[in-house]
C-alpha atoms as a PDB file:
ATOM      1  CA  UNK A   1      -7.332  17.108 -17.319  1.00  0.00           C
ATOM      2  CA  UNK A   2      -7.368  14.904 -14.268  1.00  0.00           C
ATOM      3  CA  UNK A   3     -10.286  12.661 -13.408  1.00  0.00           C
ATOM      4  CA  UNK A   4     -11.776  13.533 -11.031  1.00  0.00           C
ATOM      5  CA  UNK A   5     -11.254  17.268 -10.522  1.00  0.00           C
ATOM      6  CA  UNK A   6     -12.825  19.766  -8.079  1.00  0.00           C
ATOM      7  CA  UNK A   7     -16.085  21.442  -9.096  1.00  0.00           C
ATOM      8  CA  UNK A   8     -15.927  25.193  -9.689  1.00  0.00           C
ATOM      9  CA  UNK A   9     -19.017  25.345  -7.449  1.00  0.00           C
ATOM     10  CA  UNK A  10     -17.024  24.198  -4.415  1.00  0.00           C
ATOM     11  CA  UNK A  11     -18.506  22.288  -1.511  1.00  0.00           C
ATOM     12  CA  UNK A  12     -16.027  19.448  -1.930  1.00  0.00           C
ATOM     13  CA  UNK A  13     -17.881  18.189  -5.003  1.00  0.00           C
ATOM     14  CA  UNK A  14     -15.692  16.291  -7.460  1.00  0.00           C
ATOM     15  CA  UNK A  15     -16.370  16.012 -11.188  1.00  0.00           C
ATOM     16  CA  UNK A  16     -15.937  12.544 -12.707  1.00  0.00           C
ATOM     17  CA  UNK A  17     -16.015  11.110 -16.263  1.00  0.00           C
ATOM     18  CA  UNK A  18     -15.591  14.528 -17.957  1.00  0.00           C
ATOM     19  CA  UNK A  19     -14.602  13.881 -21.591  1.00  0.00           C
ATOM     20  CA  UNK A  20     -15.812  16.654 -23.947  1.00  0.00           C
ATOM     21  CA  UNK A  21     -16.273  15.835 -27.631  1.00  0.00           C
ATOM     22  CA  UNK A  22     -16.402  18.523 -30.339  1.00  0.00           C
ATOM     23  CA  UNK A  23     -19.137  18.227 -32.997  1.00  0.00           C
ATOM     24  CA  UNK A  24     -21.446  20.614 -34.844  1.00  0.00           C
ATOM     25  CA  UNK A  25     -20.010  23.768 -33.252  1.00  0.00           C
ATOM     26  CA  UNK A  26     -20.350  22.528 -29.672  1.00  0.00           C
ATOM     27  CA  UNK A  27     -18.438  20.570 -27.040  1.00  0.00           C
ATOM     28  CA  UNK A  28     -20.535  18.113 -25.059  1.00  0.00           C
ATOM     29  CA  UNK A  29     -20.036  15.483 -22.386  1.00  0.00           C
ATOM     30  CA  UNK A  30     -21.918  13.515 -19.800  1.00  0.00           C
ATOM     31  CA  UNK A  31     -20.376  13.630 -16.330  1.00  0.00           C
ATOM     32  CA  UNK A  32     -20.982  12.867 -12.672  1.00  0.00           C
ATOM     33  CA  UNK A  33     -20.841  15.368  -9.801  1.00  0.00           C
ATOM     34  CA  UNK A  34     -20.012  13.461  -6.607  1.00  0.00           C
ATOM     35  CA  UNK A  35     -20.520  14.919  -3.128  1.00  0.00           C
ATOM     36  CA  UNK A  36     -18.037  14.161  -0.320  1.00  0.00           C
ATOM     37  CA  UNK A  37     -20.572  11.680   1.149  1.00  0.00           C
ATOM     38  CA  UNK A  38     -20.587   9.713  -2.145  1.00  0.00           C
ATOM     39  CA  UNK A  39     -23.940  10.913  -3.499  1.00  0.00           C
ATOM     40  CA  UNK A  40     -23.577  11.133  -7.284  1.00  0.00           C
ATOM     41  CA  UNK A  41     -25.536  13.247  -9.749  1.00  0.00           C
ATOM     42  CA  UNK A  42     -25.538  12.498 -13.477  1.00  0.00           C
ATOM     43  CA  UNK A  43     -25.329  15.555 -15.710  1.00  0.00           C
ATOM     44  CA  UNK A  44     -24.696  16.689 -19.266  1.00  0.00           C
ATOM     45  CA  UNK A  45     -22.940  19.877 -20.362  1.00  0.00           C
ATOM     46  CA  UNK A  46     -22.783  21.747 -23.665  1.00  0.00           C
ATOM     47  CA  UNK A  47     -20.200  24.425 -24.422  1.00  0.00           C
ATOM     48  CA  UNK A  48     -19.775  26.807 -27.341  1.00  0.00           C
ATOM     49  CA  UNK A  49     -16.849  25.541 -29.451  1.00  0.00           C
ATOM     50  CA  UNK A  50     -14.514  28.074 -31.082  1.00  0.00           C
ATOM     51  CA  UNK A  51     -11.429  27.197 -33.111  1.00  0.00           C
ATOM     52  CA  UNK A  52      -8.382  29.089 -31.812  1.00  0.00           C
ATOM     53  CA  UNK A  53      -4.606  28.631 -31.563  1.00  0.00           C
ATOM     54  CA  UNK A  54      -4.736  25.401 -33.567  1.00  0.00           C
ATOM     55  CA  UNK A  55      -7.291  23.796 -31.266  1.00  0.00           C
ATOM     56  CA  UNK A  56     -10.807  24.247 -29.930  1.00  0.00           C
ATOM     57  CA  UNK A  57     -11.842  26.352 -26.944  1.00  0.00           C
ATOM     58  CA  UNK A  58     -14.984  25.119 -25.196  1.00  0.00           C
ATOM     59  CA  UNK A  59     -16.553  27.925 -23.139  1.00  0.00           C
ATOM     60  CA  UNK A  60     -19.903  29.334 -21.989  1.00  0.00           C
ATOM     61  CA  UNK A  61     -20.889  25.951 -20.560  1.00  0.00           C
ATOM     62  CA  UNK A  62     -24.504  25.175 -19.774  1.00  0.00           C
ATOM     63  CA  UNK A  63     -25.172  22.045 -17.730  1.00  0.00           C
ATOM     64  CA  UNK A  64     -28.315  20.200 -16.759  1.00  0.00           C
ATOM     65  CA  UNK A  65     -29.037  17.155 -14.683  1.00  0.00           C
ATOM     66  CA  UNK A  66     -29.820  13.980 -16.603  1.00  0.00           C
ATOM     67  CA  UNK A  67     -33.277  13.878 -14.988  1.00  0.00           C
ATOM     68  CA  UNK A  68     -33.979  17.540 -15.846  1.00  0.00           C
ATOM     69  CA  UNK A  69     -34.367  18.626 -12.208  1.00  0.00           C
ATOM     70  CA  UNK A  70     -31.477  21.132 -12.168  1.00  0.00           C
ATOM     71  CA  UNK A  71     -29.488  23.320 -14.559  1.00  0.00           C
ATOM     72  CA  UNK A  72     -26.939  26.099 -14.555  1.00  0.00           C
ATOM     73  CA  UNK A  73     -23.844  27.592 -16.111  1.00  0.00           C
ATOM     74  CA  UNK A  74     -20.131  27.274 -15.412  1.00  0.00           C
ATOM     75  CA  UNK A  75     -17.065  29.436 -15.850  1.00  0.00           C
ATOM     76  CA  UNK A  76     -15.041  26.245 -16.452  1.00  0.00           C
ATOM     77  CA  UNK A  77     -13.452  26.086 -19.907  1.00  0.00           C
ATOM     78  CA  UNK A  78     -11.729  23.307 -21.835  1.00  0.00           C
ATOM     79  CA  UNK A  79      -9.082  23.697 -24.538  1.00  0.00           C
ATOM     80  CA  UNK A  80      -8.662  20.709 -26.869  1.00  0.00           C
ATOM     81  CA  UNK A  81      -5.671  20.394 -29.198  1.00  0.00           C
ATOM     82  CA  UNK A  82      -4.254  17.258 -30.814  1.00  0.00           C
ATOM     83  CA  UNK A  83      -6.415  15.104 -28.538  1.00  0.00           C
ATOM     84  CA  UNK A  84      -5.095  16.730 -25.342  1.00  0.00           C
ATOM     85  CA  UNK A  85      -7.747  18.325 -23.111  1.00  0.00           C
ATOM     86  CA  UNK A  86      -6.863  21.040 -20.621  1.00  0.00           C
ATOM     87  CA  UNK A  87      -9.401  22.484 -18.207  1.00  0.00           C
ATOM     88  CA  UNK A  88      -9.391  25.857 -16.477  1.00  0.00           C
ATOM     89  CA  UNK A  89     -11.738  27.713 -14.164  1.00  0.00           C
ATOM     90  CA  UNK A  90     -10.095  31.034 -15.152  1.00  0.00           C
END
């Protein structure tokens, strides 16, 4: 995964500091969503974690803002294997 990468929500928003960790059946990470004008929003996301193909697929992501003012879901998925993290909006 590159840092930053484009948000699946569009609008020129870039996702920074995305580093999912697998624990207790979930993948979680804090991250920043940064608008083109530089405004940054701190968020946290939790995915379902499923072991597959020798790694872990993180899907069904649910995010929320750190201050609790916003929340949503994402189609973005992350596959983690041998410490390598690959992201996909497919």
